[in-house]
């Protein structure tokens, strides 16, 4: 199977040496992603805004791998406060409600910066209906 690495352009990807998304054969994996913008600042002041930013980034990344939201089968979200689960779920539904992938949310004590409320990862697969 062919492996393709994709970058979102975040500076840390090059510095640390990791890919934002990896496609192996028909399987697509997007690693833990927060709402950090290319300039290094955090987008959004609410969990909803940050989750929507992340899901929008995911859709753009999936396009690079010839995929879209319909190919997503699993989403994991890590929240710094489960009180924000409803906000993150609302953003999720705007992209995946009709697709109905697996969706797990768990609380984590903190993320890289205090202004980050959510980190999300995703799995998708092309070649299936």
N, C-alpha and C. Protein backbone atom coordinates (compact mmCIF):
# COMPACT_ATOMS: atom_id res chain seq x y z
N UNK A 1 0.83 -1.18 0.00
CA UNK A 1 0.00 0.00 0.00
C UNK A 1 0.88 1.25 0.00
N UNK A 2 0.41 2.23 -0.69
CA UNK A 2 1.14 3.49 -0.77
C UNK A 2 0.84 4.36 0.45
N UNK A 3 1.87 5.03 0.96
CA UNK A 3 1.73 5.97 2.08
C UNK A 3 1.99 7.38 1.56
N UNK A 4 1.10 8.32 1.93
CA UNK A 4 1.27 9.72 1.58
C UNK A 4 1.13 10.55 2.85
N UNK A 5 2.09 11.42 3.11
CA UNK A 5 2.05 12.34 4.25
C UNK A 5 1.56 13.70 3.79
N UNK A 6 0.75 14.34 4.62
CA UNK A 6 0.21 15.66 4.31
C UNK A 6 0.50 16.61 5.47
N UNK A 7 0.73 17.86 5.14
CA UNK A 7 0.97 18.90 6.14
C UNK A 7 -0.16 19.91 6.09
N UNK A 8 -0.47 20.51 7.23
CA UNK A 8 -1.45 21.60 7.24
C UNK A 8 -0.76 22.95 7.18
N UNK A 9 0.57 22.93 7.21
CA UNK A 9 1.33 24.17 7.17
C UNK A 9 1.68 24.72 8.54
N UNK A 10 1.27 24.03 9.60
CA UNK A 10 1.60 24.50 10.95
C UNK A 10 3.11 24.38 11.16
N UNK A 11 3.74 25.43 11.70
CA UNK A 11 5.21 25.43 11.86
C UNK A 11 5.74 24.25 12.67
N UNK A 12 5.00 23.81 13.68
CA UNK A 12 5.48 22.73 14.54
C UNK A 12 5.60 21.40 13.80
N UNK A 13 4.80 21.21 12.76
CA UNK A 13 4.88 19.97 11.99
C UNK A 13 6.28 19.78 11.43
N UNK A 14 6.82 20.81 10.81
CA UNK A 14 8.17 20.73 10.24
C UNK A 14 9.22 20.66 11.34
N UNK A 15 9.06 21.47 12.37
CA UNK A 15 10.03 21.53 13.46
C UNK A 15 10.14 20.20 14.19
N UNK A 16 9.01 19.60 14.52
CA UNK A 16 9.02 18.34 15.27
C UNK A 16 9.16 17.12 14.36
N UNK A 17 8.75 17.26 13.11
CA UNK A 17 8.85 16.15 12.16
C UNK A 17 7.65 15.22 12.20
N UNK A 18 6.44 15.78 12.11
CA UNK A 18 5.26 14.93 12.03
C UNK A 18 4.32 15.43 10.94
N UNK A 19 3.42 14.57 10.54
CA UNK A 19 2.43 14.90 9.53
C UNK A 19 1.10 15.19 10.20
N UNK A 20 0.32 16.08 9.63
CA UNK A 20 -1.03 16.34 10.13
C UNK A 20 -1.96 15.20 9.73
N UNK A 21 -1.73 14.70 8.50
CA UNK A 21 -2.58 13.63 7.98
C UNK A 21 -1.70 12.63 7.24
N UNK A 22 -2.05 11.35 7.39
CA UNK A 22 -1.35 10.28 6.68
C UNK A 22 -2.41 9.42 6.01
N UNK A 23 -2.18 9.14 4.72
CA UNK A 23 -3.05 8.22 3.99
C UNK A 23 -2.24 6.99 3.64
N UNK A 24 -2.75 5.83 4.05
CA UNK A 24 -2.11 4.56 3.73
C UNK A 24 -3.15 3.71 3.01
N UNK A 25 -2.91 3.49 1.74
CA UNK A 25 -3.93 2.81 0.94
C UNK A 25 -5.19 3.66 0.92
N UNK A 26 -6.29 3.10 1.37
CA UNK A 26 -7.55 3.83 1.42
C UNK A 26 -7.83 4.43 2.80
N UNK A 27 -6.97 4.16 3.77
CA UNK A 27 -7.15 4.64 5.14
C UNK A 27 -6.53 6.03 5.32
N UNK A 28 -7.27 6.92 5.97
CA UNK A 28 -6.81 8.29 6.21
C UNK A 28 -6.88 8.56 7.71
N UNK A 29 -5.78 9.05 8.25
CA UNK A 29 -5.69 9.37 9.67
C UNK A 29 -5.27 10.82 9.82
N UNK A 30 -6.05 11.58 10.60
CA UNK A 30 -5.66 12.95 10.92
C UNK A 30 -5.36 12.98 12.42
N UNK A 31 -4.13 13.36 12.75
CA UNK A 31 -3.70 13.38 14.14
C UNK A 31 -4.36 14.49 14.94
N UNK A 32 -4.15 14.44 16.24
CA UNK A 32 -4.72 15.42 17.15
C UNK A 32 -4.47 16.84 16.66
N UNK A 33 -5.55 17.59 16.49
CA UNK A 33 -5.49 18.93 15.92
C UNK A 33 -6.21 19.91 16.83
N UNK A 34 -5.56 21.02 17.09
CA UNK A 34 -6.18 22.09 17.86
C UNK A 34 -6.45 23.27 16.93
N UNK A 35 -6.94 24.36 17.49
CA UNK A 35 -7.30 25.52 16.68
C UNK A 35 -6.14 26.50 16.53
N UNK A 36 -4.92 25.99 16.45
CA UNK A 36 -3.77 26.86 16.24
C UNK A 36 -3.71 27.23 14.76
N UNK A 37 -3.61 28.52 14.51
CA UNK A 37 -3.55 29.05 13.15
C UNK A 37 -2.11 29.03 12.64
N UNK A 38 -1.91 29.19 11.33
CA UNK A 38 -0.56 29.17 10.77
C UNK A 38 0.41 30.17 11.42
N UNK A 39 -0.13 31.28 11.94
CA UNK A 39 0.75 32.27 12.58
C UNK A 39 1.06 31.91 14.03
N UNK A 40 0.53 30.78 14.51
CA UNK A 40 0.81 30.32 15.86
C UNK A 40 -0.19 30.76 16.91
N UNK A 41 -1.14 31.61 16.54
CA UNK A 41 -2.16 32.04 17.50
C UNK A 41 -3.30 31.03 17.52
N UNK A 42 -4.05 31.03 18.62
CA UNK A 42 -5.20 30.13 18.76
C UNK A 42 -6.45 30.83 18.25
N UNK A 43 -7.19 30.16 17.37
CA UNK A 43 -8.42 30.71 16.83
C UNK A 43 -9.57 30.44 17.80
N UNK A 44 -10.42 31.42 17.99
CA UNK A 44 -11.66 31.24 18.72
C UNK A 44 -11.54 31.38 20.22
N UNK A 45 -12.60 31.89 20.80
CA UNK A 45 -12.62 32.09 22.24
C UNK A 45 -13.61 31.17 22.93
N UNK A 46 -14.26 30.27 22.16
CA UNK A 46 -15.18 29.30 22.74
C UNK A 46 -14.86 27.91 22.21
N UNK A 47 -15.25 26.87 22.93
CA UNK A 47 -15.05 25.51 22.41
C UNK A 47 -15.76 25.29 21.07
N UNK A 48 -16.94 25.88 20.90
CA UNK A 48 -17.64 25.75 19.63
C UNK A 48 -16.82 26.34 18.49
N UNK A 49 -16.33 27.57 18.66
CA UNK A 49 -15.53 28.22 17.61
C UNK A 49 -14.29 27.40 17.28
N UNK A 50 -13.63 26.88 18.29
CA UNK A 50 -12.41 26.10 18.05
C UNK A 50 -12.73 24.79 17.36
N UNK A 51 -13.78 24.10 17.79
CA UNK A 51 -14.15 22.83 17.14
C UNK A 51 -14.55 23.07 15.69
N UNK A 52 -15.31 24.11 15.41
CA UNK A 52 -15.71 24.39 14.03
C UNK A 52 -14.48 24.68 13.16
N UNK A 53 -13.53 25.43 13.71
CA UNK A 53 -12.28 25.72 13.00
C UNK A 53 -11.55 24.41 12.67
N UNK A 54 -11.47 23.52 13.65
CA UNK A 54 -10.78 22.24 13.45
C UNK A 54 -11.50 21.39 12.41
N UNK A 55 -12.82 21.28 12.50
CA UNK A 55 -13.56 20.47 11.53
C UNK A 55 -13.44 21.06 10.12
N UNK A 56 -13.42 22.37 10.00
CA UNK A 56 -13.22 23.01 8.70
C UNK A 56 -11.84 22.65 8.15
N UNK A 57 -10.84 22.68 9.01
CA UNK A 57 -9.48 22.29 8.61
C UNK A 57 -9.47 20.83 8.14
N UNK A 58 -10.19 19.97 8.86
CA UNK A 58 -10.26 18.55 8.47
C UNK A 58 -10.85 18.38 7.08
N UNK A 59 -11.92 19.08 6.78
CA UNK A 59 -12.56 18.95 5.47
C UNK A 59 -11.60 19.36 4.37
N UNK A 60 -10.84 20.43 4.59
CA UNK A 60 -9.84 20.87 3.61
C UNK A 60 -8.74 19.83 3.45
N UNK A 61 -8.30 19.24 4.55
CA UNK A 61 -7.27 18.20 4.47
C UNK A 61 -7.80 16.98 3.72
N UNK A 62 -9.01 16.56 4.02
CA UNK A 62 -9.58 15.39 3.36
C UNK A 62 -9.64 15.58 1.85
N UNK A 63 -9.94 16.79 1.40
CA UNK A 63 -9.98 17.07 -0.04
C UNK A 63 -8.63 16.75 -0.68
N UNK A 64 -7.53 17.04 0.02
CA UNK A 64 -6.20 16.76 -0.52
C UNK A 64 -5.99 15.27 -0.73
N UNK A 65 -6.70 14.44 0.03
CA UNK A 65 -6.58 12.98 -0.08
C UNK A 65 -7.73 12.39 -0.88
N UNK A 66 -8.39 13.23 -1.68
CA UNK A 66 -9.53 12.80 -2.50
C UNK A 66 -10.63 12.16 -1.65
N UNK A 67 -10.93 12.79 -0.52
CA UNK A 67 -11.98 12.31 0.38
C UNK A 67 -12.82 13.50 0.84
N UNK A 68 -13.90 13.18 1.55
CA UNK A 68 -14.77 14.22 2.11
C UNK A 68 -15.42 13.69 3.39
N UNK A 69 -16.34 14.45 3.93
CA UNK A 69 -16.97 14.08 5.20
C UNK A 69 -17.64 12.71 5.15
N UNK A 70 -18.13 12.31 4.00
CA UNK A 70 -18.83 11.02 3.89
C UNK A 70 -17.89 9.83 4.11
N UNK A 71 -16.60 10.04 4.04
CA UNK A 71 -15.63 8.98 4.23
C UNK A 71 -15.20 8.82 5.69
N UNK A 72 -15.62 9.73 6.55
CA UNK A 72 -15.21 9.72 7.95
C UNK A 72 -15.99 8.65 8.71
N UNK A 73 -15.27 7.82 9.47
CA UNK A 73 -15.95 6.81 10.27
C UNK A 73 -15.66 6.90 11.76
N UNK A 74 -14.70 7.74 12.17
CA UNK A 74 -14.38 7.85 13.59
C UNK A 74 -13.81 9.22 13.92
N UNK A 75 -14.32 9.83 14.99
CA UNK A 75 -13.85 11.13 15.47
C UNK A 75 -13.66 11.02 16.98
N UNK A 76 -12.49 11.45 17.46
CA UNK A 76 -12.23 11.51 18.90
C UNK A 76 -11.93 12.95 19.27
N UNK A 77 -12.58 13.44 20.32
CA UNK A 77 -12.36 14.80 20.78
C UNK A 77 -11.92 14.77 22.24
N UNK A 78 -10.91 15.59 22.55
CA UNK A 78 -10.38 15.71 23.90
C UNK A 78 -10.68 17.13 24.37
N UNK A 79 -11.49 17.24 25.41
CA UNK A 79 -11.96 18.53 25.91
C UNK A 79 -11.34 18.81 27.27
N UNK A 80 -11.00 20.07 27.50
CA UNK A 80 -10.46 20.44 28.81
C UNK A 80 -11.56 20.56 29.86
N UNK A 81 -12.82 20.55 29.42
CA UNK A 81 -13.94 20.61 30.35
C UNK A 81 -15.15 19.99 29.68
N UNK A 82 -15.67 18.90 30.25
CA UNK A 82 -16.82 18.22 29.65
C UNK A 82 -18.06 19.10 29.61
N UNK A 83 -18.06 20.19 30.33
CA UNK A 83 -19.18 21.14 30.25
C UNK A 83 -19.31 21.71 28.84
N UNK A 84 -18.24 21.65 28.06
CA UNK A 84 -18.28 22.19 26.69
C UNK A 84 -18.65 21.13 25.65
N UNK A 85 -19.01 19.93 26.10
CA UNK A 85 -19.34 18.85 25.17
C UNK A 85 -20.48 19.23 24.23
N UNK A 86 -21.48 19.94 24.75
CA UNK A 86 -22.62 20.32 23.90
C UNK A 86 -22.16 21.25 22.78
N UNK A 87 -21.26 22.20 23.08
CA UNK A 87 -20.76 23.13 22.06
C UNK A 87 -19.96 22.38 21.00
N UNK A 88 -19.09 21.48 21.43
CA UNK A 88 -18.28 20.71 20.49
C UNK A 88 -19.18 19.80 19.66
N UNK A 89 -20.17 19.20 20.30
CA UNK A 89 -21.13 18.36 19.59
C UNK A 89 -21.92 19.14 18.54
N UNK A 90 -22.25 20.38 18.85
CA UNK A 90 -22.98 21.21 17.88
C UNK A 90 -22.13 21.46 16.64
N UNK A 91 -20.83 21.77 16.85
CA UNK A 91 -19.94 21.99 15.70
C UNK A 91 -19.78 20.70 14.91
N UNK A 92 -19.60 19.58 15.59
CA UNK A 92 -19.48 18.27 14.95
C UNK A 92 -20.69 18.00 14.05
N UNK A 93 -21.89 18.26 14.58
CA UNK A 93 -23.12 17.97 13.84
C UNK A 93 -23.23 18.77 12.54
N UNK A 94 -22.64 19.95 12.50
CA UNK A 94 -22.69 20.76 11.29
C UNK A 94 -21.94 20.09 10.13
N UNK A 95 -21.02 19.20 10.45
CA UNK A 95 -20.22 18.54 9.42
C UNK A 95 -20.57 17.07 9.22
N UNK A 96 -20.99 16.38 10.29
CA UNK A 96 -21.08 14.92 10.25
C UNK A 96 -22.42 14.33 10.67
N UNK A 97 -23.42 15.15 10.94
CA UNK A 97 -24.69 14.61 11.43
C UNK A 97 -25.28 13.56 10.48
N UNK A 98 -25.24 13.83 9.19
CA UNK A 98 -25.82 12.89 8.22
C UNK A 98 -24.93 11.66 8.00
N UNK A 99 -23.63 11.80 8.23
CA UNK A 99 -22.69 10.70 8.02
C UNK A 99 -22.74 9.71 9.18
N UNK A 100 -22.90 10.23 10.39
CA UNK A 100 -23.03 9.44 11.61
C UNK A 100 -21.82 8.55 11.93
N UNK A 101 -20.60 9.11 11.89
CA UNK A 101 -19.44 8.30 12.29
C UNK A 101 -19.44 8.06 13.80
N UNK A 102 -18.56 7.19 14.26
CA UNK A 102 -18.34 7.05 15.69
C UNK A 102 -17.85 8.38 16.22
N UNK A 103 -18.25 8.75 17.42
CA UNK A 103 -17.82 10.03 17.98
C UNK A 103 -17.65 9.88 19.49
N UNK A 104 -16.43 10.09 19.95
CA UNK A 104 -16.11 9.98 21.36
C UNK A 104 -15.56 11.30 21.86
N UNK A 105 -16.04 11.73 23.01
CA UNK A 105 -15.49 12.91 23.68
C UNK A 105 -15.04 12.50 25.07
N UNK A 106 -13.83 12.89 25.44
CA UNK A 106 -13.32 12.63 26.78
C UNK A 106 -12.68 13.91 27.31
N UNK A 107 -12.62 14.01 28.62
CA UNK A 107 -11.99 15.17 29.25
C UNK A 107 -10.53 14.88 29.51
N UNK A 108 -9.71 15.88 29.28
CA UNK A 108 -8.29 15.81 29.58
C UNK A 108 -7.96 17.01 30.47
N UNK A 109 -7.00 16.88 31.37
CA UNK A 109 -6.74 17.98 32.30
C UNK A 109 -6.32 19.29 31.62
N UNK A 110 -5.55 19.20 30.55
CA UNK A 110 -5.16 20.43 29.86
C UNK A 110 -4.57 20.08 28.50
N UNK A 111 -4.52 21.10 27.66
CA UNK A 111 -3.87 20.99 26.36
C UNK A 111 -2.61 21.86 26.39
N UNK A 112 -2.00 22.07 25.25
CA UNK A 112 -0.72 22.78 25.17
C UNK A 112 -0.77 24.21 25.72
N UNK A 113 -1.90 24.89 25.50
CA UNK A 113 -2.05 26.27 25.97
C UNK A 113 -3.37 26.40 26.72
N UNK A 114 -3.42 27.28 27.70
CA UNK A 114 -4.67 27.47 28.45
C UNK A 114 -5.83 27.96 27.59
N UNK A 115 -5.54 28.58 26.45
CA UNK A 115 -6.59 29.09 25.57
C UNK A 115 -7.13 28.04 24.60
N UNK A 116 -6.57 26.82 24.66
CA UNK A 116 -7.06 25.72 23.82
C UNK A 116 -8.04 24.90 24.63
N UNK A 117 -9.24 24.71 24.08
CA UNK A 117 -10.30 23.99 24.78
C UNK A 117 -10.55 22.58 24.24
N UNK A 118 -10.11 22.32 23.01
CA UNK A 118 -10.44 21.04 22.38
C UNK A 118 -9.33 20.64 21.40
N UNK A 119 -9.06 19.34 21.38
CA UNK A 119 -8.17 18.74 20.38
C UNK A 119 -8.93 17.57 19.79
N UNK A 120 -8.88 17.44 18.46
CA UNK A 120 -9.69 16.44 17.78
C UNK A 120 -8.83 15.63 16.81
N UNK A 121 -9.13 14.33 16.70
CA UNK A 121 -8.49 13.48 15.70
C UNK A 121 -9.58 12.75 14.93
N UNK A 122 -9.22 12.28 13.75
CA UNK A 122 -10.23 11.74 12.84
C UNK A 122 -9.65 10.57 12.04
N UNK A 123 -10.53 9.63 11.69
CA UNK A 123 -10.17 8.54 10.80
C UNK A 123 -11.21 8.46 9.69
N UNK A 124 -10.74 8.17 8.48
CA UNK A 124 -11.62 8.06 7.32
C UNK A 124 -11.10 6.96 6.42
N UNK A 125 -11.93 6.55 5.48
CA UNK A 125 -11.50 5.54 4.51
C UNK A 125 -12.25 5.77 3.20
N UNK A 126 -11.49 5.81 2.14
CA UNK A 126 -12.09 5.93 0.81
C UNK A 126 -12.37 4.53 0.28
N UNK A 127 -13.05 4.44 -0.83
CA UNK A 127 -13.26 3.15 -1.48
C UNK A 127 -14.40 2.34 -0.86
N UNK A 128 -15.21 2.96 -0.01
CA UNK A 128 -16.36 2.24 0.55
C UNK A 128 -17.57 3.14 0.48
N UNK A 129 -18.71 2.57 0.48
CA UNK A 129 -19.97 3.35 0.37
C UNK A 129 -20.72 3.30 1.67
